[in-house]
N, C-alpha and C. Protein backbone atom coordinates (compact mmCIF):
# COMPACT_ATOMS: atom_id res chain seq x y z
N UNK A 1 0.89 -1.21 0.01
CA UNK A 1 -0.07 0.02 -0.08
C UNK A 1 0.85 1.19 -0.05
N UNK A 2 0.51 2.19 -0.85
CA UNK A 2 1.23 3.44 -0.85
C UNK A 2 0.96 4.21 0.46
N UNK A 3 2.03 4.96 0.89
CA UNK A 3 1.84 5.79 2.08
C UNK A 3 2.18 7.33 1.69
N UNK A 4 1.45 8.15 2.32
CA UNK A 4 1.72 9.58 2.19
C UNK A 4 3.25 9.80 2.50
N UNK A 5 3.86 10.75 1.88
CA UNK A 5 5.25 10.92 1.94
C UNK A 5 5.82 11.11 3.38
N UNK A 6 5.20 12.03 4.03
CA UNK A 6 5.56 12.37 5.41
C UNK A 6 5.43 11.25 6.35
N UNK A 7 4.28 10.50 6.19
CA UNK A 7 3.98 9.36 7.03
C UNK A 7 4.99 8.21 6.83
N UNK A 8 5.34 8.10 5.59
CA UNK A 8 6.27 6.96 5.26
C UNK A 8 7.69 7.20 6.06
N UNK A 9 8.15 8.46 6.02
CA UNK A 9 9.43 8.56 6.77
C UNK A 9 9.30 8.67 8.25
N UNK A 10 8.17 9.18 8.71
CA UNK A 10 7.91 9.16 10.20
C UNK A 10 7.94 7.69 10.67
N UNK A 11 7.29 6.79 9.93
CA UNK A 11 7.20 5.42 10.35
C UNK A 11 8.46 4.65 10.21
N UNK A 12 9.49 5.25 9.66
CA UNK A 12 10.84 4.56 9.38
C UNK A 12 11.95 5.36 10.15
N UNK A 13 11.59 6.19 11.10
CA UNK A 13 12.67 6.97 11.72
C UNK A 13 13.67 6.14 12.41
N UNK A 14 13.21 5.15 13.20
CA UNK A 14 14.03 4.23 13.96
C UNK A 14 14.81 3.38 12.93
N UNK A 15 16.11 3.46 12.95
CA UNK A 15 16.97 2.75 12.10
C UNK A 15 17.19 3.38 10.70
N UNK A 16 16.64 4.60 10.56
CA UNK A 16 16.74 5.31 9.19
C UNK A 16 18.20 5.49 8.80
N UNK A 17 19.02 6.04 9.64
CA UNK A 17 20.31 6.29 9.39
C UNK A 17 21.06 5.06 8.93
N UNK A 18 20.94 4.06 9.69
CA UNK A 18 21.69 2.77 9.45
C UNK A 18 21.20 2.20 8.05
N UNK A 19 19.87 2.26 7.87
CA UNK A 19 19.40 1.80 6.53
C UNK A 19 20.05 2.53 5.38
N UNK A 20 20.04 3.87 5.46
CA UNK A 20 20.52 4.62 4.42
C UNK A 20 22.03 4.48 4.17
N UNK A 21 22.77 4.22 5.26
CA UNK A 21 24.23 4.11 5.08
C UNK A 21 24.70 2.73 4.81
N UNK A 22 23.86 1.71 5.05
CA UNK A 22 24.33 0.32 4.81
C UNK A 22 23.51 -0.36 3.74
N UNK A 23 22.41 0.11 3.27
CA UNK A 23 21.52 -0.59 2.37
C UNK A 23 21.51 0.02 1.02
N UNK A 24 22.09 1.28 0.92
CA UNK A 24 22.22 1.93 -0.43
C UNK A 24 23.62 1.80 -0.91
N UNK A 25 23.87 1.32 -2.14
CA UNK A 25 25.24 1.14 -2.60
C UNK A 25 26.02 2.40 -2.56
N UNK A 26 27.23 2.27 -1.96
CA UNK A 26 28.18 3.35 -1.92
C UNK A 26 27.78 4.60 -1.20
N UNK A 27 26.77 4.43 -0.29
CA UNK A 27 26.31 5.62 0.45
C UNK A 27 27.49 6.13 1.34
N UNK A 28 28.36 5.30 1.87
CA UNK A 28 29.47 5.80 2.66
C UNK A 28 30.50 6.64 1.89
N UNK A 29 30.41 6.57 0.53
CA UNK A 29 31.28 7.34 -0.35
C UNK A 29 30.46 8.65 -0.77
N UNK A 30 29.19 8.54 -1.23
CA UNK A 30 28.60 9.64 -1.84
C UNK A 30 28.16 10.72 -0.83
N UNK A 31 27.90 10.41 0.49
CA UNK A 31 27.54 11.43 1.37
C UNK A 31 28.82 12.41 1.68
N UNK A 32 29.93 11.76 2.01
CA UNK A 32 31.13 12.65 2.19
C UNK A 32 31.44 13.48 0.89
N UNK A 33 31.30 12.71 -0.22
CA UNK A 33 31.71 13.32 -1.53
C UNK A 33 30.83 14.56 -1.71
N UNK A 34 29.50 14.50 -1.46
CA UNK A 34 28.50 15.55 -1.60
C UNK A 34 28.91 16.66 -0.67
N UNK A 35 29.29 16.42 0.53
CA UNK A 35 29.70 17.44 1.44
C UNK A 35 30.86 18.12 1.01
N UNK A 36 31.86 17.43 0.42
CA UNK A 36 33.00 18.10 -0.09
C UNK A 36 32.80 19.03 -1.30
N UNK A 37 31.69 18.86 -1.92
CA UNK A 37 31.39 19.67 -3.07
C UNK A 37 30.77 21.06 -2.64
N UNK A 38 30.48 21.25 -1.38
CA UNK A 38 29.70 22.43 -0.85
C UNK A 38 30.85 23.46 -0.52
N UNK A 39 30.52 24.78 -0.47
CA UNK A 39 31.43 25.83 -0.16
C UNK A 39 32.09 25.66 1.12
N UNK A 40 33.39 26.00 1.20
CA UNK A 40 34.13 26.00 2.49
C UNK A 40 34.26 27.30 3.15
N UNK A 41 33.73 28.33 2.54
CA UNK A 41 33.85 29.64 3.10
C UNK A 41 33.11 29.71 4.53
N UNK A 42 33.77 30.25 5.48
CA UNK A 42 33.22 30.31 6.87
C UNK A 42 31.90 31.07 6.79
N UNK A 43 30.90 30.61 7.50
CA UNK A 43 29.63 31.25 7.62
C UNK A 43 28.77 31.25 6.37
N UNK A 44 29.17 30.52 5.37
CA UNK A 44 28.34 30.52 4.14
C UNK A 44 26.93 29.85 4.41
N UNK A 45 26.00 30.27 3.59
CA UNK A 45 24.57 29.87 3.77
C UNK A 45 24.24 28.76 2.80
N UNK A 46 23.73 27.74 3.38
CA UNK A 46 23.40 26.56 2.62
C UNK A 46 21.92 26.13 2.76
N UNK A 47 21.27 25.80 1.68
CA UNK A 47 19.92 25.32 1.73
C UNK A 47 19.88 23.82 1.40
N UNK A 48 19.21 23.03 2.30
CA UNK A 48 19.24 21.49 2.09
C UNK A 48 17.74 21.12 1.80
N UNK A 49 17.42 20.64 0.68
CA UNK A 49 16.10 20.24 0.35
C UNK A 49 15.96 18.77 0.60
N UNK A 50 14.92 18.51 1.53
CA UNK A 50 14.68 17.08 1.92
C UNK A 50 15.78 16.61 2.85
N UNK A 51 16.14 17.44 3.79
CA UNK A 51 17.35 17.21 4.64
C UNK A 51 17.32 15.97 5.48
N UNK A 52 16.09 15.55 5.72
CA UNK A 52 15.99 14.25 6.59
C UNK A 52 16.70 14.39 7.92
N UNK A 53 17.56 13.46 8.32
CA UNK A 53 18.25 13.51 9.58
C UNK A 53 19.61 14.17 9.43
N UNK A 54 19.89 14.71 8.19
CA UNK A 54 21.14 15.43 8.10
C UNK A 54 22.32 14.54 7.85
N UNK A 55 22.28 13.51 7.08
CA UNK A 55 23.44 12.55 6.88
C UNK A 55 24.49 13.34 6.05
N UNK A 56 24.14 14.16 5.12
CA UNK A 56 25.05 14.90 4.37
C UNK A 56 25.83 16.03 5.22
N UNK A 57 25.05 16.49 6.18
CA UNK A 57 25.55 17.55 7.01
C UNK A 57 26.51 17.05 8.03
N UNK A 58 26.49 15.83 8.46
CA UNK A 58 27.55 15.23 9.37
C UNK A 58 28.97 15.47 8.75
N UNK A 59 29.04 15.12 7.52
CA UNK A 59 30.39 15.35 6.87
C UNK A 59 30.71 16.77 6.56
N UNK A 60 29.54 17.61 6.26
CA UNK A 60 29.82 18.92 5.89
C UNK A 60 30.25 19.78 7.14
N UNK A 61 29.60 19.59 8.35
CA UNK A 61 30.06 20.42 9.47
C UNK A 61 31.49 20.06 9.87
N UNK A 62 31.98 18.79 9.54
CA UNK A 62 33.35 18.54 9.81
C UNK A 62 34.29 19.42 9.05
N UNK A 63 33.99 19.82 7.75
CA UNK A 63 34.84 20.69 7.01
C UNK A 63 34.42 22.11 7.04
N UNK A 64 33.26 22.48 7.54
CA UNK A 64 32.83 23.89 7.57
C UNK A 64 31.88 24.03 8.76
N UNK A 65 32.46 24.01 9.88
CA UNK A 65 31.62 24.04 11.17
C UNK A 65 30.82 25.30 11.37
N UNK A 66 31.15 26.42 10.73
CA UNK A 66 30.38 27.72 10.88
C UNK A 66 29.37 27.85 9.85
N UNK A 67 29.15 26.91 8.91
CA UNK A 67 28.17 27.11 7.91
C UNK A 67 26.77 27.25 8.52
N UNK A 68 25.94 28.13 7.90
CA UNK A 68 24.63 28.31 8.34
C UNK A 68 23.68 27.57 7.33
N UNK A 69 22.84 26.75 7.86
CA UNK A 69 22.11 25.69 7.04
C UNK A 69 20.67 25.95 7.29
N UNK A 70 19.84 25.98 6.29
CA UNK A 70 18.34 25.95 6.30
C UNK A 70 17.95 24.60 5.73
N UNK A 71 17.26 23.78 6.52
CA UNK A 71 16.80 22.53 6.03
C UNK A 71 15.40 22.47 6.01
N UNK A 72 14.79 21.83 4.92
CA UNK A 72 13.39 21.69 4.68
C UNK A 72 13.06 20.19 4.54
N UNK A 73 12.05 19.81 5.26
CA UNK A 73 11.66 18.36 5.24
C UNK A 73 10.27 18.23 5.62
N UNK A 74 9.50 17.22 5.04
CA UNK A 74 8.11 16.98 5.51
C UNK A 74 7.98 16.39 6.90
N UNK A 75 9.01 15.61 7.33
CA UNK A 75 8.86 14.84 8.52
C UNK A 75 9.38 15.53 9.84
N UNK A 76 8.46 15.65 10.74
CA UNK A 76 8.84 16.35 11.97
C UNK A 76 9.84 15.48 12.79
N UNK A 77 9.75 14.18 12.71
CA UNK A 77 10.63 13.36 13.41
C UNK A 77 12.07 13.42 12.83
N UNK A 78 12.11 13.36 11.53
CA UNK A 78 13.44 13.59 10.95
C UNK A 78 14.11 14.85 11.28
N UNK A 79 13.36 15.96 11.38
CA UNK A 79 13.89 17.28 11.67
C UNK A 79 14.29 17.27 13.20
N UNK A 80 13.59 16.62 14.01
CA UNK A 80 13.92 16.52 15.42
C UNK A 80 15.24 15.79 15.61
N UNK A 81 15.44 14.73 14.83
CA UNK A 81 16.66 13.89 14.93
C UNK A 81 17.81 14.67 14.41
N UNK A 82 17.62 15.48 13.35
CA UNK A 82 18.64 16.38 12.89
C UNK A 82 19.10 17.43 13.90
N UNK A 83 18.20 18.00 14.52
CA UNK A 83 18.47 19.05 15.56
C UNK A 83 19.18 18.42 16.73
N UNK A 84 18.89 17.26 17.14
CA UNK A 84 19.52 16.59 18.25
C UNK A 84 21.02 16.28 17.82
N UNK A 85 21.25 16.03 16.59
CA UNK A 85 22.66 15.74 16.12
C UNK A 85 23.58 16.98 16.27
N UNK A 86 22.97 18.10 16.01
CA UNK A 86 23.79 19.39 15.84
C UNK A 86 23.23 20.51 16.73
N UNK A 87 23.27 20.33 18.07
CA UNK A 87 22.71 21.34 18.92
C UNK A 87 23.47 22.67 18.94
N UNK A 88 24.69 22.60 18.55
CA UNK A 88 25.55 23.88 18.62
C UNK A 88 25.71 24.44 17.27
N UNK A 89 25.09 24.05 16.21
CA UNK A 89 25.11 24.59 14.84
C UNK A 89 24.04 25.56 14.59
N UNK A 90 24.39 26.47 13.62
CA UNK A 90 23.28 27.52 13.21
C UNK A 90 22.43 26.85 12.09
N UNK A 91 21.33 26.35 12.52
CA UNK A 91 20.43 25.63 11.67
C UNK A 91 19.05 26.11 11.74
N UNK A 92 18.37 26.47 10.64
CA UNK A 92 16.95 26.75 10.63
C UNK A 92 16.30 25.61 9.94
N UNK A 93 15.30 25.01 10.65
CA UNK A 93 14.52 23.84 10.12
C UNK A 93 13.07 24.25 9.84
N UNK A 94 12.60 23.78 8.64
CA UNK A 94 11.27 24.12 8.24
C UNK A 94 10.60 22.80 7.95
N UNK A 95 9.50 22.54 8.54
CA UNK A 95 8.73 21.37 8.27
C UNK A 95 7.53 21.67 7.30
N UNK A 96 7.85 21.33 6.04
CA UNK A 96 6.89 21.65 4.95
C UNK A 96 7.45 21.03 3.70
N UNK A 97 6.70 21.13 2.62
CA UNK A 97 7.09 20.69 1.35
C UNK A 97 8.00 21.75 0.71
N UNK A 98 9.12 21.37 0.16
CA UNK A 98 9.95 22.38 -0.47
C UNK A 98 9.35 22.91 -1.76
N UNK A 99 8.32 22.28 -2.25
CA UNK A 99 7.56 22.88 -3.35
C UNK A 99 6.75 24.06 -3.01
N UNK A 100 6.46 24.13 -1.63
CA UNK A 100 5.53 25.17 -1.21
C UNK A 100 6.22 26.33 -0.42
N UNK A 101 7.42 26.14 0.05
CA UNK A 101 8.10 27.07 0.90
C UNK A 101 8.72 28.24 0.08
N UNK A 102 8.41 29.46 0.28
CA UNK A 102 9.12 30.55 -0.43
C UNK A 102 10.57 30.50 -0.12
N UNK A 103 11.53 30.48 -1.04
CA UNK A 103 12.98 30.44 -0.80
C UNK A 103 13.68 31.79 -0.86
N UNK A 104 12.99 32.82 -1.35
CA UNK A 104 13.59 34.18 -1.45
C UNK A 104 14.49 34.27 -2.71
N UNK A 105 15.18 35.48 -2.68
CA UNK A 105 16.09 35.69 -3.83
C UNK A 105 17.42 36.00 -3.39
N UNK A 106 18.34 35.32 -3.99
CA UNK A 106 19.85 35.50 -3.71
C UNK A 106 20.14 35.34 -2.21
N UNK A 107 19.67 34.30 -1.60
CA UNK A 107 19.78 34.19 -0.14
C UNK A 107 20.94 33.16 0.17
N UNK A 108 21.14 32.15 -0.68
CA UNK A 108 22.14 31.03 -0.29
C UNK A 108 23.27 31.09 -1.20
N UNK A 109 24.37 30.70 -0.67
CA UNK A 109 25.60 30.50 -1.41
C UNK A 109 25.56 29.24 -2.19
N UNK A 110 24.84 28.18 -1.76
CA UNK A 110 24.69 27.00 -2.44
C UNK A 110 23.45 26.17 -1.85
N UNK A 111 22.98 25.30 -2.62
CA UNK A 111 21.92 24.41 -2.21
C UNK A 111 22.39 22.94 -2.41
N UNK A 112 21.74 22.03 -1.65
CA UNK A 112 22.01 20.63 -1.74
C UNK A 112 20.74 19.84 -1.54
N UNK A 113 20.81 18.64 -2.08
CA UNK A 113 19.74 17.66 -1.99
C UNK A 113 20.32 16.27 -2.25
N UNK A 114 19.97 15.32 -1.27
CA UNK A 114 20.56 14.02 -1.37
C UNK A 114 19.44 12.96 -1.21
N UNK A 115 19.27 12.14 -2.24
CA UNK A 115 18.28 11.01 -2.09
C UNK A 115 16.88 11.46 -1.74
N UNK A 116 16.39 12.61 -2.30
CA UNK A 116 15.05 13.08 -2.00
C UNK A 116 14.19 13.36 -3.26
N UNK A 117 14.88 13.93 -4.39
CA UNK A 117 14.10 14.43 -5.49
C UNK A 117 13.69 13.27 -6.46
N UNK A 118 14.03 12.08 -6.26
CA UNK A 118 13.76 11.02 -7.23
C UNK A 118 12.23 10.59 -7.07
N UNK A 119 11.49 11.32 -6.33
CA UNK A 119 10.02 10.89 -6.28
C UNK A 119 9.12 11.80 -7.16
N UNK A 120 9.70 12.65 -7.99
CA UNK A 120 8.94 13.69 -8.65
C UNK A 120 9.24 13.70 -10.08
N UNK A 121 8.30 14.18 -10.85
CA UNK A 121 8.37 14.33 -12.38
C UNK A 121 9.21 15.51 -12.77
N UNK A 122 9.67 15.47 -13.95
CA UNK A 122 10.34 16.63 -14.58
C UNK A 122 9.42 17.85 -14.53
N UNK A 123 8.15 17.69 -14.78
CA UNK A 123 7.27 18.87 -14.78
C UNK A 123 6.98 19.42 -13.39
N UNK A 124 7.08 18.59 -12.41
CA UNK A 124 7.00 19.04 -10.99
C UNK A 124 8.27 19.75 -10.58
N UNK A 125 9.45 19.18 -10.99
CA UNK A 125 10.71 19.80 -10.54
C UNK A 125 11.07 21.04 -11.22
N UNK A 126 10.71 21.22 -12.46
CA UNK A 126 11.19 22.49 -13.14
C UNK A 126 10.80 23.77 -12.46
N UNK A 127 9.51 23.91 -11.99
CA UNK A 127 9.14 25.18 -11.26
C UNK A 127 9.98 25.21 -9.90
N UNK A 128 10.17 24.12 -9.28
CA UNK A 128 10.91 24.11 -8.07
C UNK A 128 12.44 24.63 -8.32
N UNK A 129 12.97 24.08 -9.41
CA UNK A 129 14.31 24.46 -9.71
C UNK A 129 14.42 25.93 -10.09
N UNK A 130 13.35 26.44 -10.66
CA UNK A 130 13.36 27.89 -11.03
C UNK A 130 13.45 28.66 -9.82
N UNK A 131 12.66 28.39 -8.82
CA UNK A 131 12.75 29.27 -7.60
C UNK A 131 14.03 28.97 -6.83
N UNK A 132 14.53 27.76 -6.91
CA UNK A 132 15.78 27.34 -6.32
C UNK A 132 16.95 28.21 -6.89
N UNK A 133 16.97 28.32 -8.25
CA UNK A 133 17.96 29.07 -8.83
C UNK A 133 17.86 30.57 -8.41
N UNK A 134 16.70 31.07 -8.23
CA UNK A 134 16.59 32.48 -7.81
C UNK A 134 17.04 32.63 -6.41
N UNK A 135 16.92 31.62 -5.58
CA UNK A 135 17.34 31.70 -4.15
C UNK A 135 18.82 31.59 -4.00
N UNK A 136 19.57 31.21 -4.97
CA UNK A 136 21.01 31.11 -4.96
C UNK A 136 21.72 32.38 -5.48
N UNK A 137 22.75 32.83 -4.75
CA UNK A 137 23.45 34.02 -5.11
C UNK A 137 24.15 33.84 -6.52
N UNK A 138 24.44 34.90 -7.20
CA UNK A 138 25.13 34.70 -8.39
C UNK A 138 26.49 34.00 -8.17
N UNK A 139 26.94 33.16 -8.98
CA UNK A 139 28.15 32.42 -8.73
C UNK A 139 27.95 31.20 -7.83
N UNK A 140 26.75 31.08 -7.27
CA UNK A 140 26.46 29.95 -6.46
C UNK A 140 26.03 28.70 -7.21
N UNK A 141 25.63 27.60 -6.54
CA UNK A 141 25.37 26.43 -7.24
C UNK A 141 24.46 25.45 -6.43
N UNK A 142 23.97 24.53 -7.08
CA UNK A 142 23.08 23.41 -6.52
C UNK A 142 23.79 22.09 -6.76
N UNK A 143 24.09 21.30 -5.61
CA UNK A 143 24.58 19.98 -5.61
C UNK A 143 23.44 19.10 -5.40
N UNK A 144 23.24 18.11 -6.40
CA UNK A 144 22.15 17.13 -6.37
C UNK A 144 22.83 15.74 -6.44
N UNK A 145 22.67 15.00 -5.33
CA UNK A 145 23.13 13.57 -5.32
C UNK A 145 21.85 12.76 -5.14
N UNK A 146 21.59 11.90 -6.15
CA UNK A 146 20.36 11.14 -6.18
C UNK A 146 20.54 9.96 -7.05
N UNK A 147 19.61 8.99 -7.12
CA UNK A 147 19.74 7.90 -8.04
C UNK A 147 18.80 8.14 -9.20
N UNK A 148 19.24 7.60 -10.35
CA UNK A 148 18.55 7.95 -11.62
C UNK A 148 18.22 6.73 -12.37
N UNK A 149 17.11 6.84 -13.24
CA UNK A 149 16.81 5.67 -14.08
C UNK A 149 17.85 5.51 -15.16
N UNK A 150 18.18 4.28 -15.51
CA UNK A 150 19.22 4.10 -16.51
C UNK A 150 18.69 4.32 -17.97
N UNK A 151 17.41 4.19 -18.14
CA UNK A 151 16.77 4.32 -19.51
C UNK A 151 15.54 5.14 -19.37
N UNK A 152 15.06 5.71 -20.48
CA UNK A 152 13.78 6.46 -20.55
C UNK A 152 12.64 5.40 -20.37
N UNK A 153 12.83 4.19 -20.83
CA UNK A 153 11.84 3.14 -20.69
C UNK A 153 11.57 2.87 -19.19
N UNK A 154 12.58 2.72 -18.37
CA UNK A 154 12.44 2.49 -17.01
C UNK A 154 11.84 3.75 -16.30
N UNK A 155 12.18 4.90 -16.67
CA UNK A 155 11.61 6.10 -16.08
C UNK A 155 10.14 6.08 -16.32
N UNK A 156 9.69 5.82 -17.54
CA UNK A 156 8.23 5.80 -17.84
C UNK A 156 7.56 4.62 -17.08
N UNK A 157 8.18 3.46 -16.96
CA UNK A 157 7.61 2.38 -16.18
C UNK A 157 7.38 2.74 -14.74
N UNK A 158 8.44 3.40 -14.05
CA UNK A 158 8.18 3.74 -12.66
C UNK A 158 6.97 4.68 -12.54
N UNK A 159 6.87 5.69 -13.45
CA UNK A 159 5.74 6.60 -13.27
C UNK A 159 4.47 5.86 -13.52
N UNK A 160 4.37 5.09 -14.54
CA UNK A 160 3.12 4.44 -14.97
C UNK A 160 2.75 3.51 -13.86
N UNK A 161 3.72 2.77 -13.16
CA UNK A 161 3.35 1.92 -11.99
C UNK A 161 2.76 2.73 -10.87
N UNK A 162 3.32 3.82 -10.47
CA UNK A 162 2.76 4.71 -9.47
C UNK A 162 1.38 5.14 -9.79
N UNK A 163 1.04 5.68 -10.98
CA UNK A 163 -0.27 5.99 -11.36
C UNK A 163 -1.26 4.83 -11.25
N UNK A 164 -0.80 3.61 -11.65
CA UNK A 164 -1.64 2.38 -11.56
C UNK A 164 -1.91 2.06 -10.14
N UNK A 165 -0.94 2.16 -9.29
CA UNK A 165 -1.16 1.86 -7.86
C UNK A 165 -2.14 2.88 -7.16
N UNK A 166 -1.95 4.20 -7.56
CA UNK A 166 -2.92 5.11 -7.04
C UNK A 166 -4.34 4.88 -7.44
N UNK A 167 -4.54 4.46 -8.65
CA UNK A 167 -5.82 4.22 -9.16
C UNK A 167 -6.44 2.96 -8.42
N UNK A 168 -5.56 1.88 -8.38
CA UNK A 168 -6.11 0.74 -7.62
C UNK A 168 -6.57 1.06 -6.21
N UNK A 169 -5.83 1.92 -5.50
CA UNK A 169 -6.03 2.21 -4.10
C UNK A 169 -7.06 3.34 -3.96
N UNK A 170 -7.53 3.87 -5.04
CA UNK A 170 -8.49 5.00 -4.89
C UNK A 170 -7.97 6.29 -4.41
N UNK A 171 -6.78 6.53 -4.74
CA UNK A 171 -6.06 7.74 -4.24
C UNK A 171 -6.20 8.81 -5.34
N UNK A 172 -6.78 9.88 -4.88
CA UNK A 172 -6.97 11.12 -5.69
C UNK A 172 -6.25 12.29 -5.21
N UNK A 173 -6.22 13.40 -5.91
CA UNK A 173 -5.64 14.67 -5.35
C UNK A 173 -4.15 14.72 -5.70
N UNK A 174 -3.49 15.82 -5.07
CA UNK A 174 -2.16 16.14 -5.45
C UNK A 174 -1.19 15.76 -4.35
N UNK A 175 -1.67 15.07 -3.31
CA UNK A 175 -0.69 14.83 -2.22
C UNK A 175 0.36 13.85 -2.70
N UNK A 176 1.59 14.03 -2.19
CA UNK A 176 2.68 13.15 -2.59
C UNK A 176 2.69 11.82 -1.72
N UNK A 177 2.80 10.76 -2.51
CA UNK A 177 2.90 9.39 -1.95
C UNK A 177 4.26 8.78 -2.26
N UNK A 178 4.78 7.96 -1.26
CA UNK A 178 6.19 7.55 -1.45
C UNK A 178 6.16 6.38 -2.52
N UNK A 179 6.86 6.59 -3.60
CA UNK A 179 7.13 5.60 -4.62
C UNK A 179 8.21 6.20 -5.40
N UNK A 180 9.31 5.44 -5.56
CA UNK A 180 10.43 6.01 -6.24
C UNK A 180 10.13 6.07 -7.79
N UNK A 181 10.36 7.27 -8.35
CA UNK A 181 10.10 7.51 -9.82
C UNK A 181 11.28 8.29 -10.40
N UNK A 182 12.47 7.74 -10.37
CA UNK A 182 13.61 8.52 -10.75
C UNK A 182 13.55 8.93 -12.27
N UNK A 183 14.14 10.07 -12.60
CA UNK A 183 14.33 10.47 -13.97
C UNK A 183 15.67 9.86 -14.47
N UNK A 184 15.90 9.92 -15.83
CA UNK A 184 17.28 9.76 -16.25
C UNK A 184 18.00 10.96 -16.09
N UNK A 185 19.33 10.87 -15.99
CA UNK A 185 20.24 11.99 -15.85
C UNK A 185 20.01 13.02 -16.91
N UNK A 186 19.75 12.64 -18.10
CA UNK A 186 19.47 13.56 -19.24
C UNK A 186 18.20 14.42 -18.87
N UNK A 187 17.10 13.74 -18.41
CA UNK A 187 15.89 14.49 -18.20
C UNK A 187 16.03 15.39 -16.87
N UNK A 188 16.78 14.99 -15.92
CA UNK A 188 17.10 15.81 -14.77
C UNK A 188 17.82 17.03 -15.23
N UNK A 189 18.83 16.86 -16.08
CA UNK A 189 19.63 17.91 -16.61
C UNK A 189 18.82 18.88 -17.33
N UNK A 190 17.88 18.36 -18.10
CA UNK A 190 16.96 19.25 -18.92
C UNK A 190 16.11 20.10 -17.97
N UNK A 191 15.55 19.50 -16.85
CA UNK A 191 14.71 20.23 -15.96
C UNK A 191 15.60 21.42 -15.38
N UNK A 192 16.87 21.12 -15.01
CA UNK A 192 17.69 22.11 -14.41
C UNK A 192 17.89 23.30 -15.33
N UNK A 193 18.23 22.92 -16.66
CA UNK A 193 18.56 23.92 -17.57
C UNK A 193 17.29 24.79 -17.96
N UNK A 194 16.13 24.07 -18.04
CA UNK A 194 14.88 24.76 -18.41
C UNK A 194 14.59 25.72 -17.22
N UNK A 195 14.98 25.50 -15.94
CA UNK A 195 14.76 26.36 -14.84
C UNK A 195 15.75 27.57 -14.82
N UNK A 196 16.69 27.53 -15.77
CA UNK A 196 17.53 28.70 -15.89
C UNK A 196 18.99 28.54 -15.39
N UNK A 197 19.30 27.37 -14.82
CA UNK A 197 20.74 27.18 -14.40
C UNK A 197 21.57 27.22 -15.75
N UNK A 198 22.77 27.79 -15.47
CA UNK A 198 23.66 28.09 -16.60
C UNK A 198 24.38 26.77 -17.17
N UNK A 199 24.61 25.93 -16.29
CA UNK A 199 25.26 24.59 -16.71
C UNK A 199 24.97 23.64 -15.76
N UNK A 200 25.08 22.35 -16.21
CA UNK A 200 24.98 21.10 -15.26
C UNK A 200 26.07 20.23 -15.64
N UNK A 201 26.80 19.85 -14.59
CA UNK A 201 28.00 19.00 -14.68
C UNK A 201 27.89 17.70 -13.87
N UNK A 202 28.26 16.61 -14.37
CA UNK A 202 28.26 15.31 -13.65
C UNK A 202 29.64 15.32 -12.83
N UNK A 203 29.56 15.24 -11.62
CA UNK A 203 30.74 15.24 -10.73
C UNK A 203 31.18 13.80 -10.32
N UNK A 204 30.22 12.94 -10.09
CA UNK A 204 30.56 11.65 -9.61
C UNK A 204 29.49 10.70 -9.89
N UNK A 205 29.76 9.41 -9.84
CA UNK A 205 28.74 8.31 -10.16
C UNK A 205 29.20 7.07 -9.44
N UNK A 206 28.11 6.48 -8.77
CA UNK A 206 28.29 5.15 -7.98
C UNK A 206 27.04 4.33 -8.36
N UNK A 207 27.21 3.51 -9.43
CA UNK A 207 26.10 2.75 -9.89
C UNK A 207 25.05 3.68 -10.37
N UNK A 208 23.79 3.56 -9.93
CA UNK A 208 22.65 4.36 -10.37
C UNK A 208 22.68 5.77 -9.73
N UNK A 209 23.50 5.96 -8.66
CA UNK A 209 23.58 7.21 -7.97
C UNK A 209 24.59 8.15 -8.65
N UNK A 210 24.16 9.40 -8.82
CA UNK A 210 25.09 10.38 -9.41
C UNK A 210 25.07 11.71 -8.64
N UNK A 211 26.11 12.49 -8.70
CA UNK A 211 26.14 13.80 -8.15
C UNK A 211 26.17 14.90 -9.28
N UNK A 212 25.25 15.71 -9.41
CA UNK A 212 25.22 16.76 -10.42
C UNK A 212 25.50 18.10 -9.71
N UNK A 213 26.12 18.98 -10.48
CA UNK A 213 26.32 20.29 -10.06
C UNK A 213 25.76 21.33 -11.06
N UNK A 214 24.75 22.03 -10.67
CA UNK A 214 23.94 23.03 -11.54
C UNK A 214 24.47 24.36 -11.06
N UNK A 215 25.13 25.05 -11.92
CA UNK A 215 25.76 26.39 -11.62
C UNK A 215 24.65 27.49 -11.93
N UNK A 216 24.57 28.47 -10.99
CA UNK A 216 23.69 29.60 -11.12
C UNK A 216 24.14 30.52 -12.24
């Protein structure tokens, strides 16, 4: 049965970190790699979309302990766990959908998202990426580490399966339900470029997981 997105993660809070770090191929490599891609400037401002329990921030605060982070996530439990990890850090946490939260203009030196955005379509992401680009300062960038569909055929299959499951379970409306529907790297890149990012670069790859850098 499909679960609403926030409820899905609330129900899996216990053991979440261990699952993410041990059950996802190369997670022990791509979390530190992602952190190393973020700015090292003291006091820089970072936006984390779908921050969860802050696994990427554990490595990032090691290299930039004075960074100021804004994290957005649907799950109150995840945010509470993140706050408990970093009681001495300058962190603002927002419990909401990053599709709905106003991000402002030229607020952040960089943005990051890890293993969160693979639940949404290119059409849903492009407006989000447009406001994300506006929220990043000139010369800033967005680091996206996520897993991607290897082919367009698989991308289409994931989305079709989700729609079939929603129809079978009588689910209507626009609420987000947890089911992985990754795009191909090419379609993710197109969404970022359509949103106005100047360039998109592939920085690293571990099986189906990739790190992309979208420059403002």
